[in-house]
Amino acid sequence: MADTGAEWNQVKRKGRKLRHVSKPVADEKAPSDNLQPNPNPEYSIGDLSKYHDGVTRKFEQSACWQKLEKLLDSALSSRQQLPRIARAVCLGTGPYDPADGSSQARWTAHMQTAAFCAIINTIRSKTNQEIKCFIQEPRFTQIDKEFCSKLDLEAVDSPGGFNLVDENTLLYAIHLELEICNLAMRKSLPTVFIGTGLDEWLRVVDGTKERPGHLHCFFKLEDNYHKLPFPDLDYIFSSTSIYLREDQQTHDGCGRGHIEEAGKEEVGQQDTEKKGDEKTESKTISQSLEDQDAATKSDIDSLRLDKLVT
């Protein structure tokens, strides 16, 4: 991702590469990098499917999935009343055939998608719930979208994915910008959120429980949800957490009014707002595009597309 200087923070972590984290914006439009689909896609649906099968096998054999599967199994088994999950929304994996030909970006997109599918299949098997899956990535080509349909994922154009998130949704948003996450949770907090957790955002964004500002949604997740760590795999899932809503807990959204007003109100006023019966009415979500933070991914050279597609 290009560094625009004024629009991005660079965070140096011990033992890791620079991580680019977008600064929250003041208006209602999400950050846009004028992302476009690859005008000259190189691979067919068959090529993508063959490559994805190889990536899926690698993921299912990884220590990451073994740990994650145990966490999910334990969490789902211990919950007396699991809130209903009617749909799952996956945001911003990146394209499966990127315009720059990056093998790392391609690998990451397929790996994050494989993890999403594995999580949904596990929840389905444990709960017997029917879950409709959607995926939104502004850089998808038509071939990418048709490939998604083979995975039982319905590709939607931005900002359609944001509008699908409600209290019965699993929201999967790995390494996405803060404003993108806030847009997705404007109408309602989801049943499950998988993405960057509050502790990580507090490293680069100012906020407190009393004056959360742009972190309003994340403080509500932290206070009302059961939190699990998401095991990492070559930095593809670094800084990621799983938030599971307990049944009967709050799922009010984090609309713009909440975000702007939160920094001005006292603690008592915020507590009263949290306990109110009325849900925040959502405004029309502005057109927005999301990008994925490729700077956090490690170099993966051993499994390029040409080694799996032969």
C-alpha atoms as a PDB file:
ATOM      1  CA  MET A   1       0.000   0.000   0.000  1.00  0.00           C
ATOM      2  CA  ALA A   2       1.356   3.402  -0.912  1.00  0.00           C
ATOM      3  CA  ASP A   3       2.240   5.642   1.999  1.00  0.00           C
ATOM      4  CA  THR A   4       0.557   9.012   1.581  1.00  0.00           C
ATOM      5  CA  GLY A   5       2.314  10.563   4.559  1.00  0.00           C
ATOM      6  CA  ALA A   6      -0.425  12.757   5.975  1.00  0.00           C
ATOM      7  CA  GLU A   7      -3.079  10.040   5.837  1.00  0.00           C
ATOM      8  CA  TRP A   8      -1.228   7.138   7.455  1.00  0.00           C
ATOM      9  CA  ASN A   9       0.526   6.376  10.716  1.00  0.00           C
ATOM     10  CA  GLN A  10       3.526   4.077  10.734  1.00  0.00           C
ATOM     11  CA  VAL A  11       3.814   1.912  13.819  1.00  0.00           C
ATOM     12  CA  LYS A  12       7.075   0.099  14.518  1.00  0.00           C
ATOM     13  CA  ARG A  13       6.728  -3.026  16.607  1.00  0.00           C
ATOM     14  CA  LYS A  14       9.542  -5.081  18.053  1.00  0.00           C
ATOM     15  CA  GLY A  15      10.353  -7.995  15.759  1.00  0.00           C
ATOM     16  CA  ARG A  16       7.903  -6.911  13.075  1.00  0.00           C
ATOM     17  CA  LYS A  17       7.768  -4.844   9.947  1.00  0.00           C
ATOM     18  CA  LEU A  18       6.191  -1.417   9.815  1.00  0.00           C
ATOM     19  CA  ARG A  19       2.453  -1.590  10.175  1.00  0.00           C
ATOM     20  CA  HIS A  20       0.423   1.074   8.403  1.00  0.00           C
ATOM     21  CA  VAL A  21      -2.687   2.076  10.306  1.00  0.00           C
ATOM     22  CA  SER A  22      -5.107   4.565   8.837  1.00  0.00           C
ATOM     23  CA  LYS A  23      -5.926   7.645  10.856  1.00  0.00           C
ATOM     24  CA  PRO A  24      -9.661   8.033  11.543  1.00  0.00           C
ATOM     25  CA  VAL A  25     -11.325  10.649   9.378  1.00  0.00           C
ATOM     26  CA  ALA A  26     -13.705  13.305  10.586  1.00  0.00           C
ATOM     27  CA  ASP A  27     -16.328  13.143   7.841  1.00  0.00           C
ATOM     28  CA  GLU A  28     -18.682  10.313   6.952  1.00  0.00           C
ATOM     29  CA  LYS A  29     -16.705   8.987   4.009  1.00  0.00           C
ATOM     30  CA  ALA A  30     -14.343   6.084   4.502  1.00  0.00           C
ATOM     31  CA  PRO A  31     -10.752   6.294   3.260  1.00  0.00           C
ATOM     32  CA  SER A  32     -10.509   5.715  -0.464  1.00  0.00           C
ATOM     33  CA  ASP A  33      -7.418   4.819  -2.444  1.00  0.00           C
ATOM     34  CA  ASN A  34      -9.255   4.658  -5.803  1.00  0.00           C
ATOM     35  CA  LEU A  35      -8.787   0.891  -5.811  1.00  0.00           C
ATOM     36  CA  GLN A  36      -9.585  -0.780  -9.087  1.00  0.00           C
ATOM     37  CA  PRO A  37      -9.883  -4.409 -10.208  1.00  0.00           C
ATOM     38  CA  ASN A  38      -7.066  -5.931 -12.218  1.00  0.00           C
ATOM     39  CA  PRO A  39      -7.759  -4.822 -15.834  1.00  0.00           C
ATOM     40  CA  ASN A  40      -5.876  -7.828 -17.202  1.00  0.00           C
ATOM     41  CA  PRO A  41      -6.591 -10.860 -15.007  1.00  0.00           C
ATOM     42  CA  GLU A  42      -4.150 -13.672 -15.672  1.00  0.00           C
ATOM     43  CA  TYR A  43      -5.847 -16.687 -14.125  1.00  0.00           C
ATOM     44  CA  SER A  44      -9.072 -18.524 -14.892  1.00  0.00           C
ATOM     45  CA  ILE A  45     -11.659 -19.678 -12.366  1.00  0.00           C
ATOM     46  CA  GLY A  46     -10.163 -23.157 -12.669  1.00  0.00           C
ATOM     47  CA  ASP A  47      -6.693 -21.787 -11.877  1.00  0.00           C
ATOM     48  CA  LEU A  48      -7.984 -19.927  -8.835  1.00  0.00           C
ATOM     49  CA  SER A  49      -9.870 -22.984  -7.605  1.00  0.00           C
ATOM     50  CA  LYS A  50      -6.819 -25.224  -7.918  1.00  0.00           C
ATOM     51  CA  TYR A  51      -4.630 -22.715  -6.096  1.00  0.00           C
ATOM     52  CA  HIS A  52      -7.234 -22.177  -3.386  1.00  0.00           C
ATOM     53  CA  ASP A  53      -7.536 -25.909  -2.771  1.00  0.00           C
ATOM     54  CA  GLY A  54      -3.802 -26.021  -2.105  1.00  0.00           C
ATOM     55  CA  VAL A  55      -3.970 -23.021   0.238  1.00  0.00           C
ATOM     56  CA  THR A  56      -6.938 -24.533   2.095  1.00  0.00           C
ATOM     57  CA  ARG A  57      -5.023 -27.765   2.682  1.00  0.00           C
ATOM     58  CA  LYS A  58      -2.078 -25.805   4.050  1.00  0.00           C
ATOM     59  CA  PHE A  59      -4.367 -23.833   6.370  1.00  0.00           C
ATOM     60  CA  GLU A  60      -6.186 -26.913   7.659  1.00  0.00           C
ATOM     61  CA  GLN A  61      -2.819 -28.535   8.422  1.00  0.00           C
ATOM     62  CA  SER A  62      -1.452 -25.457  10.184  1.00  0.00           C
ATOM     63  CA  ALA A  63      -0.994 -24.969  13.913  1.00  0.00           C
ATOM     64  CA  CYS A  64      -3.051 -21.791  13.482  1.00  0.00           C
ATOM     65  CA  TRP A  65      -6.184 -23.752  12.526  1.00  0.00           C
ATOM     66  CA  GLN A  66      -5.586 -26.470  15.112  1.00  0.00           C
ATOM     67  CA  LYS A  67      -5.488 -23.836  17.869  1.00  0.00           C
ATOM     68  CA  LEU A  68      -8.375 -21.843  16.404  1.00  0.00           C
ATOM     69  CA  GLU A  69     -10.579 -24.906  15.997  1.00  0.00           C
ATOM     70  CA  LYS A  70     -10.056 -25.811  19.662  1.00  0.00           C
ATOM     71  CA  LEU A  71     -10.879 -22.258  20.741  1.00  0.00           C
ATOM     72  CA  LEU A  72     -14.078 -22.242  18.689  1.00  0.00           C
ATOM     73  CA  ASP A  73     -15.091 -25.686  19.869  1.00  0.00           C
ATOM     74  CA  SER A  74     -14.584 -24.716  23.507  1.00  0.00           C
ATOM     75  CA  ALA A  75     -16.357 -21.373  23.143  1.00  0.00           C
ATOM     76  CA  LEU A  76     -19.345 -22.797  21.289  1.00  0.00           C
ATOM     77  CA  SER A  77     -19.677 -25.775  23.631  1.00  0.00           C
ATOM     78  CA  SER A  78     -19.599 -23.670  26.798  1.00  0.00           C
ATOM     79  CA  ARG A  79     -22.205 -21.156  25.706  1.00  0.00           C
ATOM     80  CA  GLN A  80     -25.670 -21.966  27.062  1.00  0.00           C
ATOM     81  CA  GLN A  81     -27.498 -19.734  24.616  1.00  0.00           C
ATOM     82  CA  LEU A  82     -25.697 -18.976  21.379  1.00  0.00           C
ATOM     83  CA  PRO A  83     -27.156 -15.926  19.617  1.00  0.00           C
ATOM     84  CA  ARG A  84     -28.462 -16.723  16.165  1.00  0.00           C
ATOM     85  CA  ILE A  85     -26.059 -16.156  13.260  1.00  0.00           C
ATOM     86  CA  ALA A  86     -28.052 -15.730  10.072  1.00  0.00           C
ATOM     87  CA  ARG A  87     -25.294 -14.404   7.846  1.00  0.00           C
ATOM     88  CA  ALA A  88     -21.562 -13.867   7.685  1.00  0.00           C
ATOM     89  CA  VAL A  89     -19.907 -10.889   5.997  1.00  0.00           C
ATOM     90  CA  CYS A  90     -16.256 -11.007   4.921  1.00  0.00           C
ATOM     91  CA  LEU A  91     -14.647  -7.645   4.123  1.00  0.00           C
ATOM     92  CA  GLY A  92     -11.462  -6.731   2.304  1.00  0.00           C
ATOM     93  CA  THR A  93      -9.496  -9.926   1.745  1.00  0.00           C
ATOM     94  CA  GLY A  94      -7.813  -8.429  -1.287  1.00  0.00           C
ATOM     95  CA  PRO A  95      -8.108  -9.705  -4.885  1.00  0.00           C
ATOM     96  CA  TYR A  96      -7.228 -13.286  -5.807  1.00  0.00           C
ATOM     97  CA  ASP A  97      -5.386 -12.122  -8.929  1.00  0.00           C
ATOM     98  CA  PRO A  98      -3.832  -8.752  -7.938  1.00  0.00           C
ATOM     99  CA  ALA A  99      -2.867  -6.288 -10.637  1.00  0.00           C
ATOM    100  CA  ASP A 100       0.739  -6.070  -9.420  1.00  0.00           C
ATOM    101  CA  GLY A 101       1.142  -9.850  -9.603  1.00  0.00           C
ATOM    102  CA  SER A 102       2.193 -10.033  -5.947  1.00  0.00           C
ATOM    103  CA  SER A 103       2.410 -13.660  -4.853  1.00  0.00           C
ATOM    104  CA  GLN A 104       2.301 -12.541  -1.213  1.00  0.00           C
ATOM    105  CA  ALA A 105      -0.927 -10.555  -1.677  1.00  0.00           C
ATOM    106  CA  ARG A 106      -2.468 -13.456  -3.604  1.00  0.00           C
ATOM    107  CA  TRP A 107      -1.479 -15.949  -0.927  1.00  0.00           C
ATOM    108  CA  THR A 108      -2.867 -13.714   1.832  1.00  0.00           C
ATOM    109  CA  ALA A 109      -6.204 -13.209   0.062  1.00  0.00           C
ATOM    110  CA  HIS A 110      -6.697 -16.938  -0.395  1.00  0.00           C
ATOM    111  CA  MET A 111      -5.513 -17.774   3.131  1.00  0.00           C
ATOM    112  CA  GLN A 112      -7.848 -15.272   4.789  1.00  0.00           C
ATOM    113  CA  THR A 113     -10.725 -16.588   2.690  1.00  0.00           C
ATOM    114  CA  ALA A 114      -9.880 -20.185   3.582  1.00  0.00           C
ATOM    115  CA  ALA A 115      -9.908 -19.260   7.284  1.00  0.00           C
ATOM    116  CA  PHE A 116     -13.267 -17.499   6.903  1.00  0.00           C
ATOM    117  CA  CYS A 117     -14.819 -20.552   5.259  1.00  0.00           C
ATOM    118  CA  ALA A 118     -13.353 -22.892   7.891  1.00  0.00           C
ATOM    119  CA  ILE A 119     -14.767 -20.786  10.719  1.00  0.00           C
ATOM    120  CA  ILE A 120     -18.245 -20.676   9.174  1.00  0.00           C
ATOM    121  CA  ASN A 121     -18.268 -24.409   8.496  1.00  0.00           C
ATOM    122  CA  THR A 122     -17.264 -25.093  12.102  1.00  0.00           C
ATOM    123  CA  ILE A 123     -20.042 -22.887  13.478  1.00  0.00           C
ATOM    124  CA  ARG A 124     -22.542 -24.522  11.142  1.00  0.00           C
ATOM    125  CA  SER A 125     -21.553 -27.998  12.292  1.00  0.00           C
ATOM    126  CA  LYS A 126     -21.661 -27.075  15.984  1.00  0.00           C
ATOM    127  CA  THR A 127     -24.931 -25.136  15.939  1.00  0.00           C
ATOM    128  CA  ASN A 128     -26.878 -26.526  12.968  1.00  0.00           C
ATOM    129  CA  GLN A 129     -27.509 -22.943  11.899  1.00  0.00           C
ATOM    130  CA  GLU A 130     -27.921 -21.969   8.266  1.00  0.00           C
ATOM    131  CA  ILE A 131     -25.528 -19.128   7.555  1.00  0.00           C
ATOM    132  CA  LYS A 132     -25.615 -17.131   4.329  1.00  0.00           C
ATOM    133  CA  CYS A 133     -22.150 -15.829   3.404  1.00  0.00           C
ATOM    134  CA  PHE A 134     -21.240 -12.589   1.650  1.00  0.00           C
ATOM    135  CA  ILE A 135     -17.903 -11.114   0.644  1.00  0.00           C
ATOM    136  CA  GLN A 136     -16.988  -7.533  -0.327  1.00  0.00           C
ATOM    137  CA  GLU A 137     -13.729  -6.486  -1.973  1.00  0.00           C
ATOM    138  CA  PRO A 138     -13.688  -3.480  -4.351  1.00  0.00           C
ATOM    139  CA  ARG A 139     -10.747  -4.912  -6.311  1.00  0.00           C
ATOM    140  CA  PHE A 140     -12.559  -8.104  -7.294  1.00  0.00           C
ATOM    141  CA  THR A 141     -12.752  -8.838 -11.007  1.00  0.00           C
ATOM    142  CA  GLN A 142     -15.723 -10.680 -12.459  1.00  0.00           C
ATOM    143  CA  ILE A 143     -13.597 -13.839 -12.393  1.00  0.00           C
ATOM    144  CA  ASP A 144     -12.941 -13.284  -8.671  1.00  0.00           C
ATOM    145  CA  LYS A 145     -16.681 -12.951  -8.054  1.00  0.00           C
ATOM    146  CA  GLU A 146     -17.499 -16.097  -9.995  1.00  0.00           C
ATOM    147  CA  PHE A 147     -14.786 -17.942  -8.109  1.00  0.00           C
ATOM    148  CA  CYS A 148     -16.362 -16.800  -4.814  1.00  0.00           C
ATOM    149  CA  SER A 149     -19.690 -18.293  -5.856  1.00  0.00           C
ATOM    150  CA  LYS A 150     -17.969 -21.674  -6.089  1.00  0.00           C
ATOM    151  CA  LEU A 151     -17.060 -21.264  -2.425  1.00  0.00           C
ATOM    152  CA  ASP A 152     -20.689 -20.487  -1.590  1.00  0.00           C
ATOM    153  CA  LEU A 153     -19.803 -16.832  -1.037  1.00  0.00           C
ATOM    154  CA  GLU A 154     -21.963 -14.155  -2.631  1.00  0.00           C
ATOM    155  CA  ALA A 155     -19.814 -11.224  -3.775  1.00  0.00           C
ATOM    156  CA  VAL A 156     -21.417  -7.819  -3.209  1.00  0.00           C
ATOM    157  CA  ASP A 157     -20.262  -4.389  -4.321  1.00  0.00           C
ATOM    158  CA  SER A 158     -19.204  -1.779  -1.767  1.00  0.00           C
ATOM    159  CA  PRO A 159     -20.915  -0.516   0.343  1.00  0.00           C
ATOM    160  CA  GLY A 160     -23.424  -3.364   0.128  1.00  0.00           C
ATOM    161  CA  GLY A 161     -21.525  -5.485   2.626  1.00  0.00           C
ATOM    162  CA  PHE A 162     -21.786  -2.782   5.305  1.00  0.00           C
ATOM    163  CA  ASN A 163     -25.567  -2.703   4.965  1.00  0.00           C
ATOM    164  CA  LEU A 164     -25.805  -6.447   5.631  1.00  0.00           C
ATOM    165  CA  VAL A 165     -24.330  -6.276   9.124  1.00  0.00           C
ATOM    166  CA  ASP A 166     -26.901  -6.610  11.914  1.00  0.00           C
ATOM    167  CA  GLU A 167     -27.221  -8.257  15.330  1.00  0.00           C
ATOM    168  CA  ASN A 168     -27.353 -11.718  13.706  1.00  0.00           C
ATOM    169  CA  THR A 169     -24.170 -11.322  11.646  1.00  0.00           C
ATOM    170  CA  LEU A 170     -20.630 -12.629  11.912  1.00  0.00           C
ATOM    171  CA  LEU A 171     -18.381  -9.803  10.700  1.00  0.00           C
ATOM    172  CA  TYR A 172     -14.919 -10.836   9.463  1.00  0.00           C
ATOM    173  CA  ALA A 173     -12.612  -7.865   8.852  1.00  0.00           C
ATOM    174  CA  ILE A 174      -8.918  -8.745   9.047  1.00  0.00           C
ATOM    175  CA  HIS A 175      -6.479  -5.791   9.142  1.00  0.00           C
ATOM    176  CA  LEU A 176      -9.031  -3.263   7.912  1.00  0.00           C
ATOM    177  CA  GLU A 177      -8.995   0.470   8.599  1.00  0.00           C
ATOM    178  CA  LEU A 178     -10.766   1.764  11.699  1.00  0.00           C
ATOM    179  CA  GLU A 179     -13.232   3.808   9.681  1.00  0.00           C
ATOM    180  CA  ILE A 180     -14.178   0.770   7.602  1.00  0.00           C
ATOM    181  CA  CYS A 181     -14.940  -1.199  10.763  1.00  0.00           C
ATOM    182  CA  ASN A 182     -16.991   1.681  12.145  1.00  0.00           C
ATOM    183  CA  LEU A 183     -18.972   1.917   8.916  1.00  0.00           C
ATOM    184  CA  ALA A 184     -19.717  -1.792   9.054  1.00  0.00           C
ATOM    185  CA  MET A 185     -20.981  -1.520  12.646  1.00  0.00           C
ATOM    186  CA  ARG A 186     -22.991   1.683  12.300  1.00  0.00           C
ATOM    187  CA  LYS A 187     -26.405   0.059  12.355  1.00  0.00           C
ATOM    188  CA  SER A 188     -25.689  -2.710  14.818  1.00  0.00           C
ATOM    189  CA  LEU A 189     -22.909  -4.558  16.537  1.00  0.00           C
ATOM    190  CA  PRO A 190     -22.633  -8.072  15.066  1.00  0.00           C
ATOM    191  CA  THR A 191     -23.040 -11.347  16.908  1.00  0.00           C
ATOM    192  CA  VAL A 192     -19.373 -12.100  16.234  1.00  0.00           C
ATOM    193  CA  PHE A 193     -16.623  -9.681  15.228  1.00  0.00           C
ATOM    194  CA  ILE A 194     -13.264 -10.958  13.974  1.00  0.00           C
ATOM    195  CA  GLY A 195     -10.668  -8.269  13.392  1.00  0.00           C
ATOM    196  CA  THR A 196      -8.261  -5.886  15.107  1.00  0.00           C
ATOM    197  CA  GLY A 197      -9.068  -5.624  18.806  1.00  0.00           C
ATOM    198  CA  LEU A 198      -9.331  -2.604  21.081  1.00  0.00           C
ATOM    199  CA  ASP A 199      -5.914  -3.186  22.652  1.00  0.00           C
ATOM    200  CA  GLU A 200      -4.250  -2.856  19.260  1.00  0.00           C
ATOM    201  CA  TRP A 201      -6.204   0.266  18.247  1.00  0.00           C
ATOM    202  CA  LEU A 202      -5.269   1.970  21.522  1.00  0.00           C
ATOM    203  CA  ARG A 203      -1.639   1.795  20.387  1.00  0.00           C
ATOM    204  CA  VAL A 204      -2.315   4.258  17.573  1.00  0.00           C
ATOM    205  CA  VAL A 205      -5.675   5.956  18.262  1.00  0.00           C
ATOM    206  CA  ASP A 206      -6.520   8.122  21.260  1.00  0.00           C
ATOM    207  CA  GLY A 207      -9.485   7.016  23.325  1.00  0.00           C
ATOM    208  CA  THR A 208     -10.627   6.101  26.811  1.00  0.00           C
ATOM    209  CA  LYS A 209     -13.678   4.331  28.155  1.00  0.00           C
ATOM    210  CA  GLU A 210     -15.055   7.683  29.271  1.00  0.00           C
ATOM    211  CA  ARG A 211     -14.158   9.454  26.037  1.00  0.00           C
ATOM    212  CA  PRO A 212     -13.912   6.702  23.389  1.00  0.00           C
ATOM    213  CA  GLY A 213     -14.152   8.908  20.312  1.00  0.00           C
ATOM    214  CA  HIS A 214     -13.591   6.835  17.167  1.00  0.00           C
ATOM    215  CA  LEU A 215     -13.148   3.709  19.306  1.00  0.00           C
ATOM    216  CA  HIS A 216     -16.738   3.780  20.572  1.00  0.00           C
ATOM    217  CA  CYS A 217     -17.676   0.503  18.858  1.00  0.00           C
ATOM    218  CA  PHE A 218     -14.595  -1.254  20.170  1.00  0.00           C
ATOM    219  CA  PHE A 219     -15.141  -0.197  23.774  1.00  0.00           C
ATOM    220  CA  LYS A 220     -18.681  -1.598  23.500  1.00  0.00           C
ATOM    221  CA  LEU A 221     -17.302  -4.851  22.105  1.00  0.00           C
ATOM    222  CA  GLU A 222     -14.725  -5.024  24.883  1.00  0.00           C
ATOM    223  CA  ASP A 223     -17.324  -4.433  27.604  1.00  0.00           C
ATOM    224  CA  ASN A 224     -20.098  -6.686  26.337  1.00  0.00           C
ATOM    225  CA  TYR A 225     -18.467  -9.527  24.412  1.00  0.00           C
ATOM    226  CA  HIS A 226     -16.381 -12.570  25.222  1.00  0.00           C
ATOM    227  CA  LYS A 227     -12.939 -12.045  23.666  1.00  0.00           C
ATOM    228  CA  LEU A 228     -10.645 -14.730  22.247  1.00  0.00           C
ATOM    229  CA  PRO A 229      -7.213 -14.407  20.610  1.00  0.00           C
ATOM    230  CA  PHE A 230      -6.980 -15.348  16.936  1.00  0.00           C
ATOM    231  CA  PRO A 231      -3.855 -17.498  16.434  1.00  0.00           C
ATOM    232  CA  ASP A 232      -1.449 -15.981  13.929  1.00  0.00           C
ATOM    233  CA  LEU A 233       0.018 -17.539  10.793  1.00  0.00           C
ATOM    234  CA  ASP A 234       2.993 -15.704   9.274  1.00  0.00           C
ATOM    235  CA  TYR A 235       1.478 -12.323  10.326  1.00  0.00           C
ATOM    236  CA  ILE A 236      -1.592 -12.943   8.130  1.00  0.00           C
ATOM    237  CA  PHE A 237      -3.785 -12.768  11.259  1.00  0.00           C
ATOM    238  CA  SER A 238      -1.532 -10.674  13.470  1.00  0.00           C
ATOM    239  CA  SER A 239      -3.234  -8.402  16.027  1.00  0.00           C
ATOM    240  CA  THR A 240      -6.565 -10.141  15.418  1.00  0.00           C
ATOM    241  CA  SER A 241      -9.178 -10.965  18.064  1.00  0.00           C
ATOM    242  CA  ILE A 242     -12.533 -12.744  18.120  1.00  0.00           C
ATOM    243  CA  TYR A 243     -15.418 -11.049  19.948  1.00  0.00           C
ATOM    244  CA  LEU A 244     -18.403 -13.307  20.747  1.00  0.00           C
ATOM    245  CA  ARG A 245     -21.612 -11.719  21.959  1.00  0.00           C
ATOM    246  CA  GLU A 246     -23.315 -13.350  24.872  1.00  0.00           C
ATOM    247  CA  ASP A 247     -27.043 -13.789  24.367  1.00  0.00           C
ATOM    248  CA  GLN A 248     -29.223 -10.873  25.509  1.00  0.00           C
ATOM    249  CA  GLN A 249     -26.302  -8.468  25.476  1.00  0.00           C
ATOM    250  CA  THR A 250     -26.204  -5.127  23.715  1.00  0.00           C
ATOM    251  CA  HIS A 251     -26.062  -4.975  19.941  1.00  0.00           C
ATOM    252  CA  ASP A 252     -26.843  -1.320  19.325  1.00  0.00           C
ATOM    253  CA  GLY A 253     -24.828   0.158  16.489  1.00  0.00           C
ATOM    254  CA  CYS A 254     -22.162   2.833  16.541  1.00  0.00           C
ATOM    255  CA  GLY A 255     -23.547   5.504  14.242  1.00  0.00           C
ATOM    256  CA  ARG A 256     -21.829   8.807  13.522  1.00  0.00           C
ATOM    257  CA  GLY A 257     -23.812  10.584  16.227  1.00  0.00           C
ATOM    258  CA  HIS A 258     -22.488   8.157  18.841  1.00  0.00           C
ATOM    259  CA  ILE A 259     -18.905   8.555  17.703  1.00  0.00           C
ATOM    260  CA  GLU A 260     -18.932  12.342  17.679  1.00  0.00           C
ATOM    261  CA  GLU A 261     -20.905  12.771  20.890  1.00  0.00           C
ATOM    262  CA  ALA A 262     -19.051  10.170  22.930  1.00  0.00           C
ATOM    263  CA  GLY A 263     -16.005  12.385  23.415  1.00  0.00           C
ATOM    264  CA  LYS A 264     -18.144  15.189  24.896  1.00  0.00           C
ATOM    265  CA  GLU A 265     -20.308  13.305  27.384  1.00  0.00           C
ATOM    266  CA  GLU A 266     -19.534  12.386  30.959  1.00  0.00           C
ATOM    267  CA  VAL A 267     -19.369   8.786  32.153  1.00  0.00           C
ATOM    268  CA  GLY A 268     -22.841   8.851  33.686  1.00  0.00           C
ATOM    269  CA  GLN A 269     -24.413  10.101  30.484  1.00  0.00           C
ATOM    270  CA  GLN A 270     -22.691   7.395  28.453  1.00  0.00           C
ATOM    271  CA  ASP A 271     -23.873   4.683  30.858  1.00  0.00           C
ATOM    272  CA  THR A 272     -27.438   5.961  30.520  1.00  0.00           C
ATOM    273  CA  GLU A 273     -27.133   5.862  26.747  1.00  0.00           C
ATOM    274  CA  LYS A 274     -25.874   2.270  26.817  1.00  0.00           C
ATOM    275  CA  LYS A 275     -28.857   1.156  28.885  1.00  0.00           C
ATOM    276  CA  GLY A 276     -31.445   2.932  26.721  1.00  0.00           C
ATOM    277  CA  ASP A 277     -34.055   0.898  24.888  1.00  0.00           C
ATOM    278  CA  GLU A 278     -33.986   2.815  21.663  1.00  0.00           C
ATOM    279  CA  LYS A 279     -31.557   1.786  18.960  1.00  0.00           C
ATOM    280  CA  THR A 280     -29.667   4.370  16.964  1.00  0.00           C
ATOM    281  CA  GLU A 281     -31.209   4.981  13.587  1.00  0.00           C
ATOM    282  CA  SER A 282     -28.657   4.461  10.862  1.00  0.00           C
ATOM    283  CA  LYS A 283     -27.991   7.019   8.157  1.00  0.00           C
ATOM    284  CA  THR A 284     -27.321   6.042   4.593  1.00  0.00           C
ATOM    285  CA  ILE A 285     -23.813   4.688   4.405  1.00  0.00           C
ATOM    286  CA  SER A 286     -21.602   6.624   1.994  1.00  0.00           C
ATOM    287  CA  GLN A 287     -19.819   4.878  -0.859  1.00  0.00           C
ATOM    288  CA  SER A 288     -16.562   3.565   0.496  1.00  0.00           C
ATOM    289  CA  LEU A 289     -13.652   1.436  -0.570  1.00  0.00           C
ATOM    290  CA  GLU A 290     -11.395  -0.631   1.608  1.00  0.00           C
ATOM    291  CA  ASP A 291      -7.808  -1.689   1.278  1.00  0.00           C
ATOM    292  CA  GLN A 292      -5.851  -4.411   3.059  1.00  0.00           C
ATOM    293  CA  ASP A 293      -2.690  -3.773   4.992  1.00  0.00           C
ATOM    294  CA  ALA A 294      -0.090  -5.724   3.008  1.00  0.00           C
ATOM    295  CA  ALA A 295       2.765  -4.291   5.104  1.00  0.00           C
ATOM    296  CA  THR A 296       2.045  -6.655   8.003  1.00  0.00           C
ATOM    297  CA  LYS A 297       2.466  -9.838   5.936  1.00  0.00           C
ATOM    298  CA  SER A 298       5.715 -11.811   5.921  1.00  0.00           C
ATOM    299  CA  ASP A 299       7.398 -12.761   2.689  1.00  0.00           C
ATOM    300  CA  ILE A 300       6.078 -16.110   1.459  1.00  0.00           C
ATOM    301  CA  ASP A 301       8.040 -17.390  -1.479  1.00  0.00           C
ATOM    302  CA  SER A 302       7.683 -21.148  -1.147  1.00  0.00           C
ATOM    303  CA  LEU A 303       4.099 -21.418  -2.387  1.00  0.00           C
ATOM    304  CA  ARG A 304       3.661 -19.207  -5.416  1.00  0.00           C
ATOM    305  CA  LEU A 305       0.784 -19.665  -7.805  1.00  0.00           C
ATOM    306  CA  ASP A 306       2.940 -21.232 -10.495  1.00  0.00           C
ATOM    307  CA  LYS A 307       3.979 -23.965  -8.062  1.00  0.00           C
ATOM    308  CA  LEU A 308       0.407 -24.937  -7.255  1.00  0.00           C
ATOM    309  CA  VAL A 309      -1.166 -24.371 -10.668  1.00  0.00           C
ATOM    310  CA  THR A 310       0.629 -26.774 -12.981  1.00  0.00           C
END
